[in-house]
Amino acid sequence: MPVVGDLRVLMRFSGFRRLLAVRLLSQAADGVYQVALATYVVFSPERQTSPTAIASAMAVLLLPYSLVGPFAGVLLDRWQRRQVFLYGNVLRAALAAVTALLIVAALPDWLFYASALCVTAINRFILAGLSASLPRVVDEDRLVMANSLSPTAGTIAATAGGGLAFAVRLVAADSDAAVVLLGAVLYLCAGLASLRMARALLGPDPEQLQPRLTAALASTARGLVGGLRHLAERRAAARALGAMSIFRFCYGALTVMVLTLCRHAWSATEEQGLTLLGLALGVSGAGFLTAAVITPWAVNRLGPYGWMATCAGVAAVLEPALGLPFAPVPMLIAAFVLGAVTQGAKIATDTVVQTAVDDAFRGRVFALYDMLFNVAFVTAIGLAALILPPDGKSGPLVILMALLYAAVALTLTRRRGLGGGGGGVGVGGRPARKPRAAGWVWLSKHSTPAG
């Protein structure tokens, strides 16, 4: 298979292998930690589990994704990214251990949420840094393949971590604290794994570093304005981010619906609900893996916007067809489909942003990318809380998400630049050069779709 051959070539880059190891350990820890929090908040018998309560808990844990993102981007463009991975993961390990102690001690909920908020806040630096570092460890011709493998492998690692957390939770009663401690160990391993990379490998370049924290924070506003202006000049990146935000909004609302269905409509006990939720996460992870395999080929044939439009069109048709019966088996198929199309669109978006944005701005732009993602997700959670009935069965929500997917597909289809191949418009309006690696698309550094 072409993907196997290109994967072998990609894994010859030692920097990529080491960065991937940090991502896998870090996101596996995320999966363990997030599932431990979800089961503790949602599936504890003594806690309220209405859609509003579920949405409120998810929104609280996701707020740092929106609030910390801009600061993360500005600091990532001034701090050495390898050091962010080292200190950030070690600090998360310590905070996760504190969360486990809070669960055991049964202290007030606000302390528990404060600890969880700190862990998720640091996660903004880690994930934005991983994306911003990727072009430093692979060549430009293999960036699409790297974007297919690296973030998708991280998502699968998070899914595997979540599955491990589910397994521990189901085997051992009252094991939420132990699962959180497992996440702490994985965070510590991720921090130690970053030491295998040279301190300056991941950038930014030394002349761009601003080591004093006070100076970096003072320039936050100027940095954000500069990042926004740079993004405004890169229409390809801005357009992809807008479409991806809609994908994220739909995925967020449907996630709350599935969680509520698992808790109430499809199960009589907490254990049954956990099993169904774990199964839904597993098939969604299989969809992510499928997207990693097919997206490079699809982008090469359709272009990034053509592939995103195809993903949105598939979701617009299959999401209501599979979701409206509100039955477990069709909904699990829908979880696979939505996992595949959402991850496929994300791979295309990552590549457009990385190739259209200059390295000096890449950290803050990816932080803004994260902010858009998670503002959309938190907004979707709030909408789902308003629409969903107690059992989670809401036809209007399913139809609304289908209409949004259809709107994205129609909008992207109307934009020229979708056309048959990976080519785009290069610098100065010249055609982008063809890919050197057979089977994978090469995107010009400043490509923008015509029209």
Protein backbone atom coordinates (compact mmCIF):
# COMPACT_ATOMS: atom_id res chain seq x y z
CA MET A 1 0.00 0.00 0.00
CA PRO A 2 1.29 3.54 -0.77
CA VAL A 3 0.50 4.69 2.77
CA VAL A 4 2.79 2.02 4.23
CA GLY A 5 5.70 3.02 2.00
CA ASP A 6 5.29 6.74 2.72
CA LEU A 7 4.91 6.01 6.42
CA ARG A 8 8.21 4.16 6.39
CA VAL A 9 9.88 7.14 4.74
CA LEU A 10 8.32 9.53 7.25
CA MET A 11 9.45 7.48 10.22
CA ARG A 12 13.07 7.81 9.07
CA PHE A 13 12.98 11.40 10.30
CA SER A 14 14.29 11.07 13.86
CA GLY A 15 12.78 14.39 14.90
CA PHE A 16 9.38 13.29 13.69
CA ARG A 17 9.60 9.97 15.55
CA ARG A 18 10.47 11.70 18.79
CA LEU A 19 7.83 14.38 18.42
CA LEU A 20 5.28 11.66 17.65
CA ALA A 21 6.26 9.80 20.82
CA VAL A 22 5.59 12.93 22.88
CA ARG A 23 2.22 13.36 21.18
CA LEU A 24 1.16 9.74 21.70
CA LEU A 25 2.05 9.69 25.40
CA SER A 26 0.57 13.12 26.03
CA GLN A 27 -2.71 12.45 24.26
CA ALA A 28 -3.05 8.97 25.73
CA ALA A 29 -2.81 10.67 29.12
CA ASP A 30 -5.46 13.16 27.97
CA GLY A 31 -7.78 10.27 27.10
CA VAL A 32 -7.28 8.63 30.48
CA TYR A 33 -7.75 11.88 32.39
CA GLN A 34 -10.78 13.10 30.46
CA VAL A 35 -12.63 9.78 30.71
CA ALA A 36 -11.88 9.63 34.43
CA LEU A 37 -13.39 13.10 34.84
CA ALA A 38 -16.41 12.25 32.67
CA THR A 39 -17.20 9.06 34.54
CA TYR A 40 -16.76 10.77 37.89
CA VAL A 41 -19.02 13.69 36.95
CA VAL A 42 -21.61 11.99 34.72
CA PHE A 43 -21.88 8.35 35.75
CA SER A 44 -21.68 8.64 39.52
CA PRO A 45 -25.11 7.57 40.83
CA GLU A 46 -25.25 10.35 43.41
CA ARG A 47 -24.77 13.12 40.83
CA GLN A 48 -27.34 14.85 38.64
CA THR A 49 -27.12 13.72 35.04
CA SER A 50 -29.58 15.85 33.09
CA PRO A 51 -28.44 17.21 29.71
CA THR A 52 -27.96 20.60 31.35
CA ALA A 53 -25.76 19.14 34.10
CA ILE A 54 -23.72 17.15 31.59
CA ALA A 55 -23.30 20.18 29.32
CA SER A 56 -22.33 22.40 32.24
CA ALA A 57 -19.61 20.02 33.38
CA MET A 58 -18.23 19.69 29.84
CA ALA A 59 -18.30 23.46 29.31
CA VAL A 60 -16.38 24.12 32.53
CA LEU A 61 -13.66 21.67 31.54
CA LEU A 62 -13.43 23.11 28.01
CA LEU A 63 -13.32 26.81 28.89
CA PRO A 64 -9.50 26.96 29.00
CA TYR A 65 -9.47 25.81 25.38
CA SER A 66 -11.03 29.17 24.56
CA LEU A 67 -9.58 31.48 27.22
CA VAL A 68 -5.96 30.36 27.26
CA GLY A 69 -5.54 29.84 23.52
CA PRO A 70 -4.42 33.36 22.57
CA PHE A 71 -1.84 33.49 25.36
CA ALA A 72 -0.58 30.05 24.41
CA GLY A 73 0.05 31.17 20.84
CA VAL A 74 1.97 34.30 21.75
CA LEU A 75 4.13 32.43 24.27
CA LEU A 76 4.73 29.52 21.88
CA ASP A 77 6.24 32.00 19.44
CA ARG A 78 8.68 33.10 22.17
CA TRP A 79 9.40 29.99 24.23
CA GLN A 80 11.31 27.00 23.00
CA ARG A 81 8.63 24.44 22.20
CA ARG A 82 10.66 21.49 23.48
CA GLN A 83 10.74 23.16 26.90
CA VAL A 84 6.97 23.69 26.76
CA PHE A 85 6.49 19.94 26.26
CA LEU A 86 8.86 19.11 29.12
CA TYR A 87 7.63 21.50 31.81
CA GLY A 88 4.00 21.44 30.69
CA ASN A 89 3.67 17.68 30.93
CA VAL A 90 5.51 17.46 34.26
CA LEU A 91 3.22 20.14 35.69
CA ARG A 92 0.16 18.31 34.37
CA ALA A 93 1.35 15.13 36.07
CA ALA A 94 1.53 16.96 39.39
CA LEU A 95 -1.90 18.56 38.94
CA ALA A 96 -3.47 15.23 37.94
CA ALA A 97 -2.11 13.71 41.15
CA VAL A 98 -3.77 16.57 43.05
CA THR A 99 -7.05 15.81 41.26
CA ALA A 100 -6.84 12.18 42.42
CA LEU A 101 -6.36 13.32 46.01
CA LEU A 102 -9.39 15.61 45.74
CA ILE A 103 -11.53 12.69 44.52
CA VAL A 104 -10.41 10.47 47.39
CA ALA A 105 -10.91 13.20 50.00
CA ALA A 106 -14.40 14.07 48.64
CA LEU A 107 -13.67 17.79 48.96
CA PRO A 108 -15.99 20.48 47.50
CA ASP A 109 -16.60 20.27 43.78
CA TRP A 110 -15.13 23.70 43.06
CA LEU A 111 -11.68 22.49 44.10
CA PHE A 112 -12.03 19.47 41.81
CA TYR A 113 -13.03 21.66 38.86
CA ALA A 114 -10.24 24.16 39.59
CA SER A 115 -7.66 21.37 39.39
CA ALA A 116 -9.20 19.98 36.20
CA LEU A 117 -9.29 23.45 34.66
CA CYS A 118 -5.55 23.88 35.26
CA VAL A 119 -4.76 20.57 33.54
CA THR A 120 -6.87 21.42 30.48
CA ALA A 121 -5.41 24.94 30.36
CA ILE A 122 -1.89 23.55 30.04
CA ASN A 123 -3.18 21.23 27.33
CA ARG A 124 -3.64 24.29 25.09
CA PHE A 125 0.10 24.89 25.08
CA ILE A 126 0.90 21.25 24.41
CA LEU A 127 -1.45 20.67 21.46
CA ALA A 128 -0.79 24.02 19.79
CA GLY A 129 2.95 23.43 20.20
CA LEU A 130 2.74 19.96 18.64
CA SER A 131 1.04 21.34 15.54
CA ALA A 132 3.38 24.33 15.28
CA SER A 133 6.45 22.05 15.62
CA LEU A 134 5.53 19.56 12.91
CA PRO A 135 6.97 21.53 9.94
CA ARG A 136 10.30 21.66 11.80
CA VAL A 137 10.76 17.87 11.73
CA VAL A 138 9.53 16.88 8.24
CA ASP A 139 10.07 18.35 4.79
CA GLU A 140 7.33 20.26 3.04
CA ASP A 141 6.60 17.55 0.47
CA ARG A 142 5.58 15.11 3.22
CA LEU A 143 3.60 17.56 5.34
CA VAL A 144 0.20 16.21 4.26
CA MET A 145 1.24 12.70 5.22
CA ALA A 146 2.63 13.96 8.53
CA ASN A 147 -0.66 15.74 9.19
CA SER A 148 -2.52 12.53 8.40
CA LEU A 149 -0.43 10.42 10.74
CA SER A 150 0.52 12.65 13.64
CA PRO A 151 -2.73 14.30 14.83
CA THR A 152 -4.75 11.23 13.91
CA ALA A 153 -2.35 8.95 15.78
CA GLY A 154 -2.67 11.31 18.74
CA THR A 155 -6.44 11.11 18.60
CA ILE A 156 -6.27 7.33 18.43
CA ALA A 157 -3.88 7.36 21.38
CA ALA A 158 -6.39 9.48 23.30
CA THR A 159 -9.12 7.01 22.36
CA ALA A 160 -6.94 4.11 23.51
CA GLY A 161 -6.25 5.93 26.74
CA GLY A 162 -9.96 6.46 27.20
CA GLY A 163 -10.59 2.78 26.54
CA LEU A 164 -8.01 1.86 29.15
CA ALA A 165 -9.71 4.18 31.62
CA PHE A 166 -13.09 2.60 30.86
CA ALA A 167 -11.63 -0.87 31.38
CA VAL A 168 -10.11 0.04 34.75
CA ARG A 169 -13.33 1.77 35.80
CA LEU A 170 -15.47 -1.25 34.88
CA VAL A 171 -13.18 -3.82 36.49
CA ALA A 172 -12.53 -1.98 39.75
CA ALA A 173 -15.34 -0.22 41.58
CA ASP A 174 -14.79 3.34 42.80
CA SER A 175 -11.53 3.55 40.85
CA ASP A 176 -11.76 7.12 39.51
CA ALA A 177 -8.79 8.29 41.59
CA ALA A 178 -6.65 5.36 40.41
CA VAL A 179 -7.49 6.15 36.78
CA VAL A 180 -6.51 9.80 37.27
CA LEU A 181 -3.19 8.66 38.75
CA LEU A 182 -2.62 6.51 35.67
CA GLY A 183 -3.06 9.67 33.60
CA ALA A 184 -0.52 11.44 35.81
CA VAL A 185 2.06 8.71 35.13
CA LEU A 186 1.52 9.03 31.37
CA TYR A 187 1.89 12.82 31.54
CA LEU A 188 5.20 12.37 33.32
CA CYS A 189 6.37 9.90 30.64
CA ALA A 190 5.45 12.42 27.92
CA GLY A 191 7.54 15.10 29.61
CA LEU A 192 10.53 12.79 29.90
CA ALA A 193 10.16 11.69 26.26
CA SER A 194 10.62 15.29 25.11
CA LEU A 195 14.18 15.19 26.49
CA ARG A 196 15.16 12.95 23.55
CA MET A 197 14.94 16.03 21.28
CA ALA A 198 17.49 18.82 21.15
CA ARG A 199 16.36 21.89 23.01
CA ALA A 200 16.34 24.14 19.92
CA LEU A 201 15.05 21.56 17.41
CA LEU A 202 11.41 22.60 17.41
CA GLY A 203 11.94 26.36 17.28
CA PRO A 204 11.22 29.13 17.16
CA ASP A 205 14.62 30.30 15.97
CA PRO A 206 16.89 31.88 18.60
CA GLU A 207 16.56 35.39 17.21
CA GLN A 208 12.79 35.13 17.69
CA LEU A 209 12.92 34.02 21.32
CA GLN A 210 11.84 36.42 24.04
CA PRO A 211 12.86 34.65 27.24
CA ARG A 212 11.47 37.13 29.77
CA LEU A 213 7.92 36.18 30.74
CA THR A 214 6.88 39.75 31.57
CA ALA A 215 8.01 40.98 28.17
CA ALA A 216 6.17 38.14 26.44
CA LEU A 217 2.95 38.81 28.33
CA ALA A 218 3.21 42.56 27.66
CA SER A 219 3.35 41.86 23.93
CA THR A 220 0.34 39.51 23.95
CA ALA A 221 -2.09 42.06 22.53
CA ARG A 222 0.32 43.10 19.77
CA GLY A 223 1.07 39.47 18.98
CA LEU A 224 -2.60 38.56 18.67
CA VAL A 225 -3.33 41.49 16.41
CA GLY A 226 -0.36 40.53 14.29
CA GLY A 227 -1.53 36.92 14.13
CA LEU A 228 -5.03 37.96 13.12
CA ARG A 229 -3.70 40.29 10.42
CA HIS A 230 -1.45 37.57 9.10
CA LEU A 231 -4.38 35.15 9.03
CA ALA A 232 -6.54 37.74 7.26
CA GLU A 233 -3.91 37.92 4.52
CA ARG A 234 -3.97 34.14 4.13
CA ARG A 235 -7.44 33.54 2.73
CA ALA A 236 -6.85 29.83 2.28
CA ALA A 237 -6.14 29.37 5.98
CA ALA A 238 -9.01 31.61 7.11
CA ARG A 239 -11.52 29.83 4.88
CA ALA A 240 -10.43 26.40 6.09
CA LEU A 241 -10.65 27.48 9.72
CA GLY A 242 -14.18 28.77 9.24
CA ALA A 243 -15.37 25.50 7.72
CA MET A 244 -13.60 23.43 10.36
CA SER A 245 -15.29 25.42 13.13
CA ILE A 246 -18.68 24.29 11.80
CA PHE A 247 -17.51 20.67 11.78
CA ARG A 248 -16.41 21.10 15.38
CA PHE A 249 -19.74 22.72 16.37
CA CYS A 250 -21.73 19.82 14.96
CA TYR A 251 -19.45 17.24 16.55
CA GLY A 252 -19.79 18.92 19.94
CA ALA A 253 -23.59 19.00 19.92
CA LEU A 254 -23.82 15.39 18.78
CA THR A 255 -21.31 14.32 21.44
CA VAL A 256 -23.57 15.63 24.19
CA MET A 257 -26.53 13.88 22.60
CA VAL A 258 -24.74 10.52 22.45
CA LEU A 259 -23.49 10.87 26.01
CA THR A 260 -27.04 11.58 27.22
CA LEU A 261 -28.43 8.66 25.22
CA CYS A 262 -25.81 6.33 26.74
CA ARG A 263 -26.63 7.53 30.23
CA HIS A 264 -30.44 7.42 30.00
CA ALA A 265 -32.11 6.06 26.86
CA TRP A 266 -29.92 3.03 26.16
CA SER A 267 -28.95 1.72 29.58
CA ALA A 268 -30.52 0.77 32.89
CA THR A 269 -27.28 0.99 34.92
CA GLU A 270 -24.16 3.15 35.01
CA GLU A 271 -22.05 0.19 33.89
CA GLN A 272 -24.15 -0.35 30.77
CA GLY A 273 -23.94 3.32 29.95
CA LEU A 274 -20.17 3.31 30.36
CA THR A 275 -19.86 0.27 28.10
CA LEU A 276 -21.92 1.90 25.34
CA LEU A 277 -20.04 5.18 25.63
CA GLY A 278 -16.73 3.35 25.43
CA LEU A 279 -17.93 1.49 22.34
CA ALA A 280 -18.99 4.77 20.73
CA LEU A 281 -15.55 6.25 21.39
CA GLY A 282 -13.91 3.15 19.94
CA VAL A 283 -15.79 3.21 16.63
CA SER A 284 -15.25 6.96 16.37
CA GLY A 285 -11.52 6.28 16.79
CA ALA A 286 -11.74 3.74 13.98
CA GLY A 287 -13.20 6.54 11.86
CA PHE A 288 -10.20 8.74 12.70
CA LEU A 289 -7.85 5.98 11.57
CA THR A 290 -9.78 5.53 8.32
CA ALA A 291 -9.48 9.26 7.65
CA ALA A 292 -5.71 9.09 8.14
CA VAL A 293 -5.46 6.43 5.43
CA ILE A 294 -7.74 7.95 2.80
CA THR A 295 -7.27 11.71 3.27
CA PRO A 296 -3.87 12.12 1.53
CA TRP A 297 -5.20 10.31 -1.54
CA ALA A 298 -8.46 12.29 -1.43
CA VAL A 299 -6.72 15.65 -1.08
CA ASN A 300 -4.45 14.77 -4.00
CA ARG A 301 -7.49 14.04 -6.16
CA LEU A 302 -9.94 16.69 -4.95
CA GLY A 303 -7.82 19.40 -3.39
CA PRO A 304 -8.20 20.33 0.29
CA TYR A 305 -11.47 22.20 -0.16
CA GLY A 306 -12.95 19.54 -2.41
CA TRP A 307 -12.19 16.91 0.23
CA MET A 308 -13.67 19.06 3.01
CA ALA A 309 -16.80 19.62 0.91
CA THR A 310 -17.09 15.87 0.33
CA CYS A 311 -16.76 15.19 4.06
CA ALA A 312 -19.47 17.74 4.84
CA GLY A 313 -21.77 16.32 2.15
CA VAL A 314 -21.40 12.76 3.45
CA ALA A 315 -22.19 13.94 6.97
CA ALA A 316 -25.22 15.93 5.78
CA VAL A 317 -26.74 12.80 4.24
CA LEU A 318 -25.77 10.05 6.69
CA GLU A 319 -26.06 11.88 10.01
CA PRO A 320 -29.88 12.23 9.92
CA ALA A 321 -30.36 8.85 8.21
CA LEU A 322 -28.46 7.07 10.99
CA GLY A 323 -29.26 9.39 13.87
CA LEU A 324 -33.02 9.86 13.71
CA PRO A 325 -33.88 6.26 14.71
CA PHE A 326 -32.05 6.95 18.02
CA ALA A 327 -31.04 3.31 18.16
CA PRO A 328 -27.61 2.15 19.38
CA VAL A 329 -26.41 0.32 16.25
CA PRO A 330 -27.21 3.07 13.67
CA MET A 331 -25.81 5.66 16.08
CA LEU A 332 -22.57 3.71 16.41
CA ILE A 333 -22.29 3.65 12.61
CA ALA A 334 -22.89 7.40 12.66
CA ALA A 335 -20.08 7.76 15.23
CA PHE A 336 -17.72 6.04 12.80
CA VAL A 337 -18.82 8.20 9.87
CA LEU A 338 -18.61 11.46 11.81
CA GLY A 339 -15.24 10.50 13.24
CA ALA A 340 -13.94 9.86 9.71
CA VAL A 341 -15.30 13.02 8.09
CA THR A 342 -14.39 15.31 10.98
CA GLN A 343 -10.82 14.02 11.13
CA GLY A 344 -10.52 14.06 7.35
CA ALA A 345 -11.54 17.72 7.28
CA LYS A 346 -9.15 18.49 10.11
CA ILE A 347 -6.16 16.95 8.32
CA ALA A 348 -6.90 19.09 5.27
CA THR A 349 -7.33 22.19 7.45
CA ASP A 350 -4.08 21.57 9.34
CA THR A 351 -2.16 21.32 6.09
CA VAL A 352 -3.68 24.48 4.62
CA VAL A 353 -2.90 26.45 7.77
CA GLN A 354 0.66 25.12 8.07
CA THR A 355 1.52 25.82 4.43
CA ALA A 356 -0.19 29.23 4.24
CA VAL A 357 1.15 30.68 7.51
CA ASP A 358 4.73 31.83 8.07
CA ASP A 359 6.72 30.04 10.77
CA ALA A 360 7.10 33.19 12.86
CA PHE A 361 3.29 33.38 13.17
CA ARG A 362 2.51 29.68 13.21
CA GLY A 363 2.27 29.25 17.00
CA ARG A 364 -0.22 32.06 17.54
CA VAL A 365 -2.28 31.10 14.48
CA PHE A 366 -2.59 27.52 15.71
CA ALA A 367 -3.58 28.86 19.12
CA LEU A 368 -6.29 30.95 17.43
CA TYR A 369 -7.23 27.77 15.56
CA ASP A 370 -7.68 25.99 18.89
CA MET A 371 -9.69 28.91 20.24
CA LEU A 372 -12.10 28.81 17.30
CA PHE A 373 -12.41 25.04 17.67
CA ASN A 374 -13.33 25.19 21.27
CA VAL A 375 -15.53 28.26 21.22
CA ALA A 376 -17.54 26.32 18.64
CA PHE A 377 -17.53 23.22 20.84
CA VAL A 378 -18.60 25.05 24.01
CA THR A 379 -21.31 26.94 22.10
CA ALA A 380 -22.58 23.63 20.72
CA ILE A 381 -22.69 22.17 24.23
CA GLY A 382 -24.83 25.08 25.38
CA LEU A 383 -27.18 24.67 22.43
CA ALA A 384 -27.50 20.95 23.07
CA ALA A 385 -28.36 21.62 26.72
CA LEU A 386 -31.22 23.86 25.60
CA ILE A 387 -32.59 21.51 22.93
CA LEU A 388 -32.09 18.00 24.33
CA PRO A 389 -34.87 16.34 26.35
CA PRO A 390 -33.88 14.31 29.44
CA ASP A 391 -33.47 11.06 27.45
CA GLY A 392 -31.33 12.70 24.73
CA LYS A 393 -33.68 11.98 21.79
CA SER A 394 -33.98 15.22 19.80
CA GLY A 395 -35.00 15.16 16.15
CA PRO A 396 -34.62 18.95 15.77
CA LEU A 397 -30.98 18.80 16.91
CA VAL A 398 -30.16 16.04 14.41
CA ILE A 399 -31.83 17.95 11.57
CA LEU A 400 -30.11 21.22 12.50
CA MET A 401 -26.68 19.58 12.42
CA ALA A 402 -27.45 18.03 9.02
CA LEU A 403 -28.38 21.47 7.65
CA LEU A 404 -25.12 22.95 8.94
CA TYR A 405 -23.10 20.18 7.28
CA ALA A 406 -25.01 20.79 4.05
CA ALA A 407 -24.31 24.53 4.24
CA VAL A 408 -20.56 23.87 4.60
CA ALA A 409 -20.61 21.47 1.64
CA LEU A 410 -22.48 23.93 -0.55
CA THR A 411 -20.27 26.89 0.41
CA LEU A 412 -17.00 25.04 -0.23
CA THR A 413 -18.27 23.57 -3.49
CA ARG A 414 -19.02 27.05 -4.83
CA ARG A 415 -15.41 28.11 -4.22
CA ARG A 416 -13.12 27.37 -7.13
CA GLY A 417 -9.88 25.72 -6.11
CA LEU A 418 -11.60 22.45 -5.34
CA GLY A 419 -10.57 20.95 -8.60
CA GLY A 420 -9.24 17.66 -9.55
CA GLY A 421 -5.74 17.39 -8.15
CA GLY A 422 -3.67 18.67 -5.36
CA GLY A 423 -2.60 21.75 -7.22
CA GLY A 424 -3.51 25.22 -6.16
CA VAL A 425 -2.38 28.74 -6.90
CA GLY A 426 1.20 29.33 -5.97
CA VAL A 427 3.06 32.43 -4.90
CA GLY A 428 2.32 35.34 -7.17
CA GLY A 429 -0.51 33.50 -8.91
CA ARG A 430 1.74 30.83 -10.44
CA PRO A 431 0.51 27.23 -10.37
CA ALA A 432 1.76 25.28 -7.40
CA ARG A 433 4.36 22.68 -8.28
CA LYS A 434 3.42 19.04 -8.32
CA PRO A 435 4.13 16.68 -5.45
CA ARG A 436 7.49 14.93 -5.42
CA ALA A 437 6.27 12.04 -3.30
CA ALA A 438 3.92 9.96 -5.42
CA GLY A 439 0.39 9.71 -4.08
CA TRP A 440 0.51 12.71 -1.73
CA VAL A 441 -0.40 16.32 -2.42
CA TRP A 442 2.04 19.17 -2.21
CA LEU A 443 0.46 22.50 -1.25
CA SER A 444 2.19 25.75 -2.11
CA LYS A 445 3.31 27.76 0.90
CA HIS A 446 1.06 30.71 0.12
CA SER A 447 -1.63 29.01 -1.95
CA THR A 448 -5.10 30.54 -2.03
CA PRO A 449 -8.12 29.21 -3.91
CA ALA A 450 -9.22 31.25 -6.87
CA GLY A 451 -12.46 33.15 -6.59
